[in-house]
């Protein structure tokens, strides 16, 4: 009934951003505290932290990607909120193009740092492995390429759409090769 009457109010859970921003907030907080843990805990090494960091960046990117696909321009924040001060300050909307570009750059920087295997299929399920990072990156490249493929967009973004399609194919080829290699090992 809410959809039929165009109820887009926050009381309609279908249009609430809260769960996405809660996840984004947790990711931002953990990303900001990770270096502190490295400095304090000698048992926690950089090789322990890097795959966790990659997974957090992947989760944050996925949440923002869902928001961008559903709502286009959305509030964008990559810093941890201090819940005692400023957590309720409004965050201005950022263009979907700027967010997608940030997500691509962020994922490109960590795509090879993800875990290839958490031990077994059950533990891998629902986690951001290296293949999941590449898959999300391919999806974002493809989304941005399709969004910018019109003649109006080409006038603004030039060859970006063509390049994004190519990067999508490269990411997909990586995942296909990794999966084929895994099947050959079994």
N, C-alpha and C. Protein backbone atom coordinates (compact mmCIF):
# COMPACT_ATOMS: atom_id res chain seq x y z
N UNK A 1 0.83 -1.18 0.00
CA UNK A 1 0.00 0.00 0.00
C UNK A 1 0.88 1.26 0.00
N UNK A 2 1.99 1.22 0.79
CA UNK A 2 2.89 2.37 0.84
C UNK A 2 3.48 2.68 -0.54
N UNK A 3 3.84 1.64 -1.27
CA UNK A 3 4.39 1.86 -2.62
C UNK A 3 3.35 2.44 -3.56
N UNK A 4 2.14 1.93 -3.47
CA UNK A 4 1.08 2.41 -4.36
C UNK A 4 0.71 3.86 -4.07
N UNK A 5 0.86 4.28 -2.82
CA UNK A 5 0.52 5.66 -2.47
C UNK A 5 1.75 6.56 -2.44
N UNK A 6 2.87 6.07 -2.94
CA UNK A 6 4.12 6.82 -3.02
C UNK A 6 4.58 7.34 -1.66
N UNK A 7 4.43 6.50 -0.65
CA UNK A 7 4.90 6.86 0.69
C UNK A 7 6.41 6.63 0.73
N UNK A 8 7.16 7.69 0.64
CA UNK A 8 8.61 7.59 0.67
C UNK A 8 9.16 8.12 2.00
N UNK A 9 8.34 8.10 3.02
CA UNK A 9 8.75 8.60 4.33
C UNK A 9 9.67 7.62 5.03
N UNK A 10 10.52 8.11 5.92
CA UNK A 10 11.44 7.22 6.63
C UNK A 10 10.74 6.14 7.45
N UNK A 11 9.46 6.35 7.80
CA UNK A 11 8.75 5.31 8.57
C UNK A 11 8.52 4.06 7.73
N UNK A 12 8.59 4.20 6.40
CA UNK A 12 8.49 3.06 5.51
C UNK A 12 9.89 2.46 5.39
N UNK A 13 10.09 1.27 5.97
CA UNK A 13 11.43 0.68 6.04
C UNK A 13 12.05 0.41 4.67
N UNK A 14 11.24 0.34 3.64
CA UNK A 14 11.78 0.12 2.29
C UNK A 14 12.63 1.28 1.83
N UNK A 15 12.43 2.45 2.43
CA UNK A 15 13.14 3.64 2.00
C UNK A 15 14.07 4.17 3.07
N UNK A 16 14.41 3.34 4.02
CA UNK A 16 15.30 3.76 5.11
C UNK A 16 16.75 3.46 4.74
N UNK A 17 17.60 4.42 4.97
CA UNK A 17 19.02 4.25 4.72
C UNK A 17 19.75 3.78 5.97
N UNK A 18 19.05 3.67 7.08
CA UNK A 18 19.67 3.47 8.39
C UNK A 18 20.58 2.26 8.44
N UNK A 19 20.14 1.11 7.95
CA UNK A 19 20.97 -0.09 8.06
C UNK A 19 22.24 0.02 7.24
N UNK A 20 22.16 0.69 6.08
CA UNK A 20 23.36 0.89 5.26
C UNK A 20 24.36 1.79 5.97
N UNK A 21 23.84 2.88 6.52
CA UNK A 21 24.74 3.82 7.20
C UNK A 21 25.26 3.28 8.53
N UNK A 22 24.52 2.38 9.14
CA UNK A 22 25.02 1.73 10.35
C UNK A 22 26.23 0.86 9.99
N UNK A 23 26.11 0.08 8.92
CA UNK A 23 27.23 -0.74 8.45
C UNK A 23 28.41 0.15 8.06
N UNK A 24 28.14 1.22 7.31
CA UNK A 24 29.20 2.13 6.89
C UNK A 24 29.90 2.72 8.11
N UNK A 25 29.12 3.09 9.12
CA UNK A 25 29.69 3.65 10.35
C UNK A 25 30.59 2.66 11.06
N UNK A 26 30.16 1.39 11.15
CA UNK A 26 31.00 0.36 11.78
C UNK A 26 32.29 0.17 11.00
N UNK A 27 32.18 0.14 9.67
CA UNK A 27 33.38 -0.01 8.84
C UNK A 27 34.32 1.17 9.03
N UNK A 28 33.78 2.39 9.01
CA UNK A 28 34.61 3.58 9.19
C UNK A 28 35.30 3.56 10.55
N UNK A 29 34.57 3.18 11.58
CA UNK A 29 35.14 3.13 12.93
C UNK A 29 36.27 2.11 13.01
N UNK A 30 36.02 0.92 12.50
CA UNK A 30 37.04 -0.14 12.56
C UNK A 30 38.25 0.23 11.72
N UNK A 31 38.02 0.81 10.55
CA UNK A 31 39.14 1.24 9.71
C UNK A 31 39.98 2.31 10.41
N UNK A 32 39.33 3.17 11.15
CA UNK A 32 40.08 4.23 11.85
C UNK A 32 40.85 3.71 13.05
N UNK A 33 40.36 2.64 13.67
CA UNK A 33 41.01 2.10 14.87
C UNK A 33 42.04 1.01 14.58
N UNK A 34 42.03 0.47 13.38
CA UNK A 34 42.96 -0.61 13.03
C UNK A 34 44.42 -0.26 13.25
N UNK A 35 44.88 0.89 12.78
CA UNK A 35 46.28 1.26 13.01
C UNK A 35 46.63 1.38 14.50
N UNK A 36 45.67 1.81 15.32
CA UNK A 36 45.91 1.89 16.77
C UNK A 36 46.13 0.51 17.36
N UNK A 37 45.35 -0.46 16.89
CA UNK A 37 45.51 -1.84 17.38
C UNK A 37 46.88 -2.37 16.97
N UNK A 38 47.29 -2.08 15.75
CA UNK A 38 48.62 -2.51 15.29
C UNK A 38 49.71 -1.95 16.19
N UNK A 39 49.56 -0.70 16.58
CA UNK A 39 50.58 -0.05 17.41
C UNK A 39 50.61 -0.62 18.83
N UNK A 40 49.47 -1.08 19.33
CA UNK A 40 49.38 -1.53 20.73
C UNK A 40 49.57 -3.03 20.92
N UNK A 41 49.21 -3.83 19.92
CA UNK A 41 49.21 -5.28 20.08
C UNK A 41 50.29 -5.89 19.20
N UNK A 42 51.36 -6.35 19.81
CA UNK A 42 52.46 -6.95 19.06
C UNK A 42 52.06 -8.27 18.40
N UNK A 43 51.02 -8.91 18.91
CA UNK A 43 50.54 -10.17 18.32
C UNK A 43 49.68 -9.97 17.09
N UNK A 44 49.27 -8.74 16.85
CA UNK A 44 48.44 -8.41 15.70
C UNK A 44 49.33 -7.70 14.69
N UNK A 45 49.61 -8.38 13.59
CA UNK A 45 50.59 -7.86 12.62
C UNK A 45 49.89 -7.18 11.45
N UNK A 46 50.69 -6.51 10.66
CA UNK A 46 50.15 -5.87 9.46
C UNK A 46 49.57 -6.90 8.50
N UNK A 47 50.18 -8.09 8.45
CA UNK A 47 49.63 -9.14 7.58
C UNK A 47 48.29 -9.65 8.10
N UNK A 48 48.03 -9.49 9.40
CA UNK A 48 46.70 -9.79 9.95
C UNK A 48 45.71 -8.69 9.59
N UNK A 49 46.18 -7.44 9.66
CA UNK A 49 45.32 -6.29 9.46
C UNK A 49 44.90 -6.08 8.00
N UNK A 50 45.80 -6.27 7.05
CA UNK A 50 45.52 -5.93 5.66
C UNK A 50 44.31 -6.66 5.07
N UNK A 51 44.14 -7.98 5.28
CA UNK A 51 42.92 -8.61 4.75
C UNK A 51 41.65 -8.13 5.46
N UNK A 52 41.76 -7.80 6.74
CA UNK A 52 40.61 -7.26 7.46
C UNK A 52 40.25 -5.90 6.88
N UNK A 53 41.26 -5.09 6.66
CA UNK A 53 41.05 -3.76 6.06
C UNK A 53 40.40 -3.89 4.69
N UNK A 54 40.89 -4.83 3.88
CA UNK A 54 40.31 -5.03 2.55
C UNK A 54 38.84 -5.45 2.66
N UNK A 55 38.54 -6.32 3.61
CA UNK A 55 37.16 -6.77 3.78
C UNK A 55 36.26 -5.62 4.24
N UNK A 56 36.75 -4.79 5.14
CA UNK A 56 35.97 -3.64 5.60
C UNK A 56 35.71 -2.65 4.47
N UNK A 57 36.73 -2.40 3.66
CA UNK A 57 36.56 -1.50 2.52
C UNK A 57 35.56 -2.10 1.53
N UNK A 58 35.61 -3.42 1.35
CA UNK A 58 34.64 -4.09 0.48
C UNK A 58 33.22 -3.97 1.01
N UNK A 59 33.03 -4.17 2.31
CA UNK A 59 31.68 -4.05 2.89
C UNK A 59 31.16 -2.62 2.77
N UNK A 60 32.02 -1.65 3.07
CA UNK A 60 31.61 -0.25 2.97
C UNK A 60 31.26 0.10 1.52
N UNK A 61 32.07 -0.38 0.58
CA UNK A 61 31.82 -0.12 -0.84
C UNK A 61 30.49 -0.75 -1.28
N UNK A 62 30.21 -1.95 -0.82
CA UNK A 62 28.96 -2.60 -1.18
C UNK A 62 27.77 -1.80 -0.66
N UNK A 63 27.83 -1.34 0.58
CA UNK A 63 26.74 -0.54 1.15
C UNK A 63 26.52 0.73 0.34
N UNK A 64 27.61 1.44 0.04
CA UNK A 64 27.47 2.66 -0.76
C UNK A 64 26.98 2.36 -2.17
N UNK A 65 27.42 1.25 -2.73
CA UNK A 65 26.99 0.89 -4.08
C UNK A 65 25.49 0.64 -4.11
N UNK A 66 24.96 -0.06 -3.10
CA UNK A 66 23.51 -0.25 -3.01
C UNK A 66 22.79 1.09 -2.92
N UNK A 67 23.31 1.99 -2.08
CA UNK A 67 22.69 3.30 -1.92
C UNK A 67 22.69 4.09 -3.23
N UNK A 68 23.82 4.09 -3.93
CA UNK A 68 23.94 4.83 -5.18
C UNK A 68 22.99 4.26 -6.23
N UNK A 69 22.92 2.94 -6.31
CA UNK A 69 22.02 2.34 -7.30
C UNK A 69 20.56 2.67 -7.02
N UNK A 70 20.21 2.72 -5.74
CA UNK A 70 18.81 2.98 -5.39
C UNK A 70 18.45 4.47 -5.40
N UNK A 71 19.38 5.32 -4.93
CA UNK A 71 19.02 6.72 -4.70
C UNK A 71 19.88 7.72 -5.47
N UNK A 72 20.91 7.28 -6.18
CA UNK A 72 21.86 8.12 -6.90
C UNK A 72 22.73 8.94 -5.95
N UNK A 73 22.48 10.24 -5.81
CA UNK A 73 23.30 11.08 -4.95
C UNK A 73 22.88 10.87 -3.50
N UNK A 74 23.85 10.52 -2.64
CA UNK A 74 23.54 10.22 -1.24
C UNK A 74 24.58 10.88 -0.34
N UNK A 75 24.28 11.01 0.94
CA UNK A 75 25.29 11.49 1.88
C UNK A 75 26.48 10.52 1.89
N UNK A 76 27.67 11.07 1.89
CA UNK A 76 28.89 10.25 1.77
C UNK A 76 29.88 10.66 2.85
N UNK A 77 30.29 9.68 3.65
CA UNK A 77 31.22 9.94 4.74
C UNK A 77 32.12 8.72 4.91
N UNK A 78 33.42 8.94 4.95
CA UNK A 78 34.36 7.83 5.13
C UNK A 78 35.18 7.99 6.40
N UNK A 79 34.76 8.89 7.27
CA UNK A 79 35.46 9.06 8.54
C UNK A 79 34.60 8.52 9.66
N UNK A 80 35.25 8.06 10.71
CA UNK A 80 34.53 7.53 11.87
C UNK A 80 33.85 8.67 12.61
N UNK A 81 32.62 8.43 13.01
CA UNK A 81 31.88 9.42 13.79
C UNK A 81 32.15 9.20 15.27
N UNK A 82 32.42 10.29 15.97
CA UNK A 82 32.48 10.25 17.42
C UNK A 82 31.03 10.34 17.89
N UNK A 83 30.54 9.28 18.50
CA UNK A 83 29.12 9.26 18.85
C UNK A 83 28.78 10.25 19.95
N UNK A 84 29.77 10.80 20.63
CA UNK A 84 29.47 11.78 21.67
C UNK A 84 29.32 13.18 21.10
N UNK A 85 29.97 13.44 19.96
CA UNK A 85 29.91 14.77 19.37
C UNK A 85 29.77 14.65 17.86
N UNK A 86 28.84 15.34 17.29
CA UNK A 86 28.78 15.44 15.83
C UNK A 86 28.21 14.27 15.09
N UNK A 87 27.79 13.21 15.77
CA UNK A 87 27.29 12.04 15.05
C UNK A 87 25.96 12.33 14.36
N UNK A 88 25.27 13.36 14.81
CA UNK A 88 23.99 13.68 14.19
C UNK A 88 24.10 14.86 13.24
N UNK A 89 25.30 15.38 13.04
CA UNK A 89 25.47 16.47 12.09
C UNK A 89 25.11 15.98 10.70
N UNK A 90 24.36 16.77 9.94
CA UNK A 90 23.99 16.34 8.59
C UNK A 90 25.22 16.27 7.68
N UNK A 91 25.21 15.28 6.82
CA UNK A 91 26.27 15.11 5.83
C UNK A 91 25.66 15.43 4.48
N UNK A 92 26.29 16.33 3.72
CA UNK A 92 25.70 16.70 2.42
C UNK A 92 25.76 15.53 1.43
N UNK A 93 24.86 15.58 0.46
CA UNK A 93 24.87 14.57 -0.57
C UNK A 93 26.08 14.76 -1.47
N UNK A 94 26.58 13.66 -1.98
CA UNK A 94 27.69 13.65 -2.93
C UNK A 94 27.17 13.04 -4.22
N UNK A 95 27.67 13.49 -5.33
CA UNK A 95 27.20 12.96 -6.62
C UNK A 95 27.54 11.48 -6.74
N UNK A 96 26.68 10.76 -7.41
CA UNK A 96 26.90 9.32 -7.60
C UNK A 96 28.20 9.08 -8.35
N UNK A 97 28.53 9.95 -9.29
CA UNK A 97 29.78 9.79 -10.06
C UNK A 97 31.00 9.88 -9.14
N UNK A 98 30.99 10.85 -8.23
CA UNK A 98 32.12 11.00 -7.29
C UNK A 98 32.21 9.81 -6.36
N UNK A 99 31.07 9.30 -5.91
CA UNK A 99 31.08 8.14 -5.00
C UNK A 99 31.59 6.91 -5.73
N UNK A 100 31.10 6.67 -6.95
CA UNK A 100 31.55 5.50 -7.71
C UNK A 100 33.05 5.56 -7.97
N UNK A 101 33.55 6.74 -8.30
CA UNK A 101 34.99 6.90 -8.54
C UNK A 101 35.77 6.62 -7.27
N UNK A 102 35.29 7.13 -6.13
CA UNK A 102 35.97 6.84 -4.87
C UNK A 102 35.96 5.34 -4.58
N UNK A 103 34.82 4.68 -4.75
CA UNK A 103 34.72 3.25 -4.46
C UNK A 103 35.67 2.45 -5.35
N UNK A 104 35.72 2.81 -6.62
CA UNK A 104 36.63 2.11 -7.54
C UNK A 104 38.08 2.28 -7.09
N UNK A 105 38.47 3.50 -6.78
CA UNK A 105 39.86 3.74 -6.35
C UNK A 105 40.16 3.02 -5.04
N UNK A 106 39.20 3.03 -4.12
CA UNK A 106 39.36 2.37 -2.83
C UNK A 106 39.53 0.86 -3.00
N UNK A 107 38.67 0.27 -3.83
CA UNK A 107 38.74 -1.17 -4.06
C UNK A 107 39.98 -1.57 -4.86
N UNK A 108 40.35 -0.74 -5.83
CA UNK A 108 41.58 -1.03 -6.60
C UNK A 108 42.79 -1.10 -5.67
N UNK A 109 42.81 -0.26 -4.64
CA UNK A 109 43.95 -0.22 -3.73
C UNK A 109 44.04 -1.46 -2.84
N UNK A 110 42.92 -2.16 -2.62
CA UNK A 110 42.94 -3.30 -1.68
C UNK A 110 42.56 -4.63 -2.31
N UNK A 111 42.22 -4.65 -3.58
CA UNK A 111 41.68 -5.87 -4.20
C UNK A 111 42.60 -7.07 -4.07
N UNK A 112 43.89 -6.85 -4.04
CA UNK A 112 44.83 -7.97 -3.95
C UNK A 112 45.23 -8.28 -2.51
N UNK A 113 44.66 -7.56 -1.56
CA UNK A 113 44.98 -7.79 -0.14
C UNK A 113 43.98 -8.70 0.54
N UNK A 114 42.87 -9.00 -0.13
CA UNK A 114 41.85 -9.85 0.46
C UNK A 114 42.31 -11.28 0.62
N UNK A 115 41.69 -11.97 1.55
CA UNK A 115 41.98 -13.39 1.75
C UNK A 115 41.50 -14.17 0.54
N UNK A 116 42.25 -15.17 0.14
CA UNK A 116 41.79 -16.02 -0.94
C UNK A 116 40.90 -17.13 -0.41
N UNK A 117 41.10 -17.47 0.87
CA UNK A 117 40.34 -18.57 1.45
C UNK A 117 40.36 -18.44 2.97
N UNK A 118 39.19 -18.48 3.58
CA UNK A 118 39.11 -18.43 5.05
C UNK A 118 39.13 -19.82 5.66
N UNK A 119 39.41 -20.84 4.88
CA UNK A 119 39.57 -22.19 5.41
C UNK A 119 38.65 -23.22 4.78
N UNK A 120 37.41 -22.85 4.57
CA UNK A 120 36.46 -23.77 3.94
C UNK A 120 35.30 -22.97 3.36
N UNK A 121 34.46 -23.65 2.59
CA UNK A 121 33.36 -22.95 1.92
C UNK A 121 32.41 -22.29 2.91
N UNK A 122 32.16 -22.94 4.04
CA UNK A 122 31.25 -22.36 5.04
C UNK A 122 31.80 -21.04 5.58
N UNK A 123 33.11 -21.00 5.86
CA UNK A 123 33.72 -19.78 6.37
C UNK A 123 33.87 -18.72 5.28
N UNK A 124 34.00 -19.15 4.04
CA UNK A 124 34.12 -18.21 2.93
C UNK A 124 32.77 -17.56 2.59
N UNK A 125 31.69 -18.26 2.89
CA UNK A 125 30.35 -17.77 2.54
C UNK A 125 30.05 -16.48 3.29
N UNK A 126 29.69 -15.45 2.51
CA UNK A 126 29.33 -14.18 3.11
C UNK A 126 30.50 -13.31 3.51
N UNK A 127 31.70 -13.72 3.20
CA UNK A 127 32.89 -12.92 3.52
C UNK A 127 33.42 -12.28 2.24
N UNK A 128 34.16 -11.20 2.43
CA UNK A 128 34.78 -10.55 1.28
C UNK A 128 36.15 -11.15 1.04
N UNK A 129 36.17 -12.16 0.20
CA UNK A 129 37.43 -12.75 -0.22
C UNK A 129 38.00 -11.89 -1.35
N UNK A 130 39.18 -12.25 -1.79
CA UNK A 130 39.80 -11.55 -2.92
C UNK A 130 38.89 -11.61 -4.15
N UNK A 131 38.29 -12.78 -4.40
CA UNK A 131 37.38 -12.91 -5.54
C UNK A 131 36.16 -12.01 -5.37
N UNK A 132 35.66 -11.88 -4.15
CA UNK A 132 34.50 -11.02 -3.91
C UNK A 132 34.86 -9.56 -4.16
N UNK A 133 36.06 -9.15 -3.77
CA UNK A 133 36.50 -7.78 -4.02
C UNK A 133 36.57 -7.51 -5.52
N UNK A 134 37.14 -8.45 -6.27
CA UNK A 134 37.21 -8.30 -7.72
C UNK A 134 35.80 -8.30 -8.34
N UNK A 135 34.91 -9.13 -7.83
CA UNK A 135 33.55 -9.20 -8.36
C UNK A 135 32.80 -7.89 -8.12
N UNK A 136 32.91 -7.35 -6.90
CA UNK A 136 32.27 -6.07 -6.61
C UNK A 136 32.85 -4.97 -7.48
N UNK A 137 34.15 -4.98 -7.64
CA UNK A 137 34.81 -3.98 -8.48
C UNK A 137 34.30 -4.09 -9.93
N UNK A 138 34.15 -5.31 -10.44
CA UNK A 138 33.63 -5.50 -11.79
C UNK A 138 32.21 -4.94 -11.90
N UNK A 139 31.40 -5.18 -10.88
CA UNK A 139 30.03 -4.70 -10.90
C UNK A 139 29.96 -3.18 -10.89
N UNK A 140 30.81 -2.55 -10.09
CA UNK A 140 30.83 -1.08 -10.04
C UNK A 140 31.33 -0.50 -11.36
N UNK A 141 32.38 -1.10 -11.92
CA UNK A 141 32.85 -0.65 -13.24
C UNK A 141 31.73 -0.76 -14.27
N UNK A 142 31.03 -1.89 -14.27
CA UNK A 142 29.98 -2.10 -15.26
C UNK A 142 28.84 -1.09 -15.05
N UNK A 143 28.47 -0.85 -13.79
CA UNK A 143 27.39 0.10 -13.50
C UNK A 143 27.77 1.51 -13.99
N UNK A 144 28.99 1.92 -13.66
CA UNK A 144 29.42 3.27 -14.07
C UNK A 144 29.53 3.36 -15.59
N UNK A 145 30.02 2.30 -16.22
CA UNK A 145 30.15 2.30 -17.68
C UNK A 145 28.78 2.44 -18.34
N UNK A 146 27.80 1.69 -17.87
CA UNK A 146 26.46 1.75 -18.45
C UNK A 146 25.83 3.11 -18.20
N UNK A 147 26.08 3.66 -17.02
CA UNK A 147 25.54 4.98 -16.65
C UNK A 147 26.12 6.08 -17.55
N UNK A 148 27.36 5.92 -17.97
CA UNK A 148 28.04 6.95 -18.75
C UNK A 148 28.18 6.62 -20.24
N UNK A 149 27.38 5.70 -20.72
CA UNK A 149 27.52 5.27 -22.12
C UNK A 149 26.71 6.12 -23.10
N UNK A 150 25.80 6.93 -22.61
CA UNK A 150 24.98 7.74 -23.53
C UNK A 150 25.86 8.80 -24.20
N UNK A 151 25.38 9.33 -25.31
CA UNK A 151 26.16 10.34 -26.04
C UNK A 151 26.38 11.59 -25.19
N UNK A 152 25.39 11.95 -24.36
CA UNK A 152 25.56 13.11 -23.47
C UNK A 152 26.68 12.85 -22.46
N UNK A 153 26.70 11.65 -21.91
CA UNK A 153 27.73 11.32 -20.92
C UNK A 153 29.11 11.21 -21.55
N UNK A 154 29.18 10.68 -22.77
CA UNK A 154 30.47 10.57 -23.45
C UNK A 154 31.05 11.96 -23.67
N UNK A 155 30.18 12.93 -23.93
CA UNK A 155 30.66 14.31 -24.10
C UNK A 155 31.29 14.84 -22.82
N UNK A 156 30.80 14.37 -21.68
CA UNK A 156 31.33 14.83 -20.40
C UNK A 156 32.49 13.96 -19.93
N UNK A 157 32.35 12.64 -20.04
CA UNK A 157 33.33 11.71 -19.46
C UNK A 157 34.26 11.06 -20.48
N UNK A 158 34.12 11.40 -21.73
CA UNK A 158 35.02 10.88 -22.75
C UNK A 158 34.98 9.37 -22.87
N UNK A 159 36.16 8.77 -22.86
CA UNK A 159 36.31 7.33 -23.05
C UNK A 159 36.13 6.54 -21.76
N UNK A 160 35.70 7.19 -20.70
CA UNK A 160 35.59 6.50 -19.41
C UNK A 160 34.71 5.26 -19.48
N UNK A 161 33.59 5.35 -20.18
CA UNK A 161 32.68 4.21 -20.28
C UNK A 161 33.37 3.01 -20.92
N UNK A 162 34.04 3.27 -22.03
CA UNK A 162 34.77 2.19 -22.73
C UNK A 162 35.84 1.60 -21.81
N UNK A 163 36.58 2.44 -21.13
CA UNK A 163 37.62 1.97 -20.21
C UNK A 163 37.03 1.19 -19.04
N UNK A 164 35.88 1.64 -18.54
CA UNK A 164 35.23 0.95 -17.43
C UNK A 164 34.76 -0.44 -17.86
N UNK A 165 34.21 -0.56 -19.07
CA UNK A 165 33.81 -1.88 -19.56
C UNK A 165 35.03 -2.80 -19.65
N UNK A 166 36.14 -2.27 -20.11
CA UNK A 166 37.36 -3.07 -20.22
C UNK A 166 37.84 -3.53 -18.83
N UNK A 167 37.80 -2.62 -17.85
CA UNK A 167 38.21 -2.97 -16.48
C UNK A 167 37.25 -4.02 -15.89
N UNK A 168 35.98 -3.91 -16.22
CA UNK A 168 35.01 -4.91 -15.77
C UNK A 168 35.38 -6.29 -16.30
N UNK A 169 35.70 -6.35 -17.58
CA UNK A 169 36.09 -7.62 -18.20
C UNK A 169 37.37 -8.16 -17.53
N UNK A 170 38.33 -7.30 -17.27
CA UNK A 170 39.58 -7.73 -16.61
C UNK A 170 39.30 -8.31 -15.23
N UNK A 171 38.45 -7.66 -14.47
CA UNK A 171 38.12 -8.17 -13.14
C UNK A 171 37.39 -9.51 -13.23
N UNK A 172 36.47 -9.62 -14.17
CA UNK A 172 35.75 -10.88 -14.36
C UNK A 172 36.70 -11.99 -14.79
N UNK A 173 37.60 -11.68 -15.70
CA UNK A 173 38.58 -12.68 -16.14
C UNK A 173 39.43 -13.17 -14.97
N UNK A 174 39.78 -12.26 -14.05
CA UNK A 174 40.55 -12.66 -12.87
C UNK A 174 39.76 -13.68 -12.04
N UNK A 175 38.50 -13.37 -11.79
CA UNK A 175 37.67 -14.26 -10.96
C UNK A 175 37.47 -15.61 -11.66
N UNK A 176 37.21 -15.59 -12.95
CA UNK A 176 37.02 -16.84 -13.70
C UNK A 176 38.29 -17.69 -13.64
N UNK A 177 39.43 -17.07 -13.84
CA UNK A 177 40.70 -17.81 -13.78
C UNK A 177 40.92 -18.39 -12.37
N UNK A 178 40.62 -17.61 -11.34
CA UNK A 178 40.80 -18.08 -9.97
C UNK A 178 39.86 -19.25 -9.68
N UNK A 179 38.63 -19.17 -10.14
CA UNK A 179 37.68 -20.26 -9.92
C UNK A 179 38.07 -21.50 -10.70
N UNK A 180 38.54 -21.32 -11.94
CA UNK A 180 39.01 -22.47 -12.72
C UNK A 180 40.21 -23.12 -12.06
N UNK A 181 41.10 -22.33 -11.54
CA UNK A 181 42.27 -22.87 -10.84
C UNK A 181 41.86 -23.65 -9.61
N UNK A 182 40.88 -23.15 -8.88
CA UNK A 182 40.39 -23.84 -7.68
C UNK A 182 39.75 -25.17 -8.06
N UNK A 183 38.96 -25.19 -9.17
CA UNK A 183 38.33 -26.44 -9.59
C UNK A 183 39.37 -27.44 -10.05
N UNK A 184 40.44 -26.99 -10.69
CA UNK A 184 41.50 -27.89 -11.14
C UNK A 184 42.26 -28.50 -9.98
N UNK A 185 42.36 -27.76 -8.86
CA UNK A 185 43.05 -28.27 -7.66
C UNK A 185 42.23 -29.36 -6.98
N UNK A 186 40.92 -29.27 -7.10
CA UNK A 186 40.04 -30.24 -6.46
C UNK A 186 39.97 -31.47 -7.26
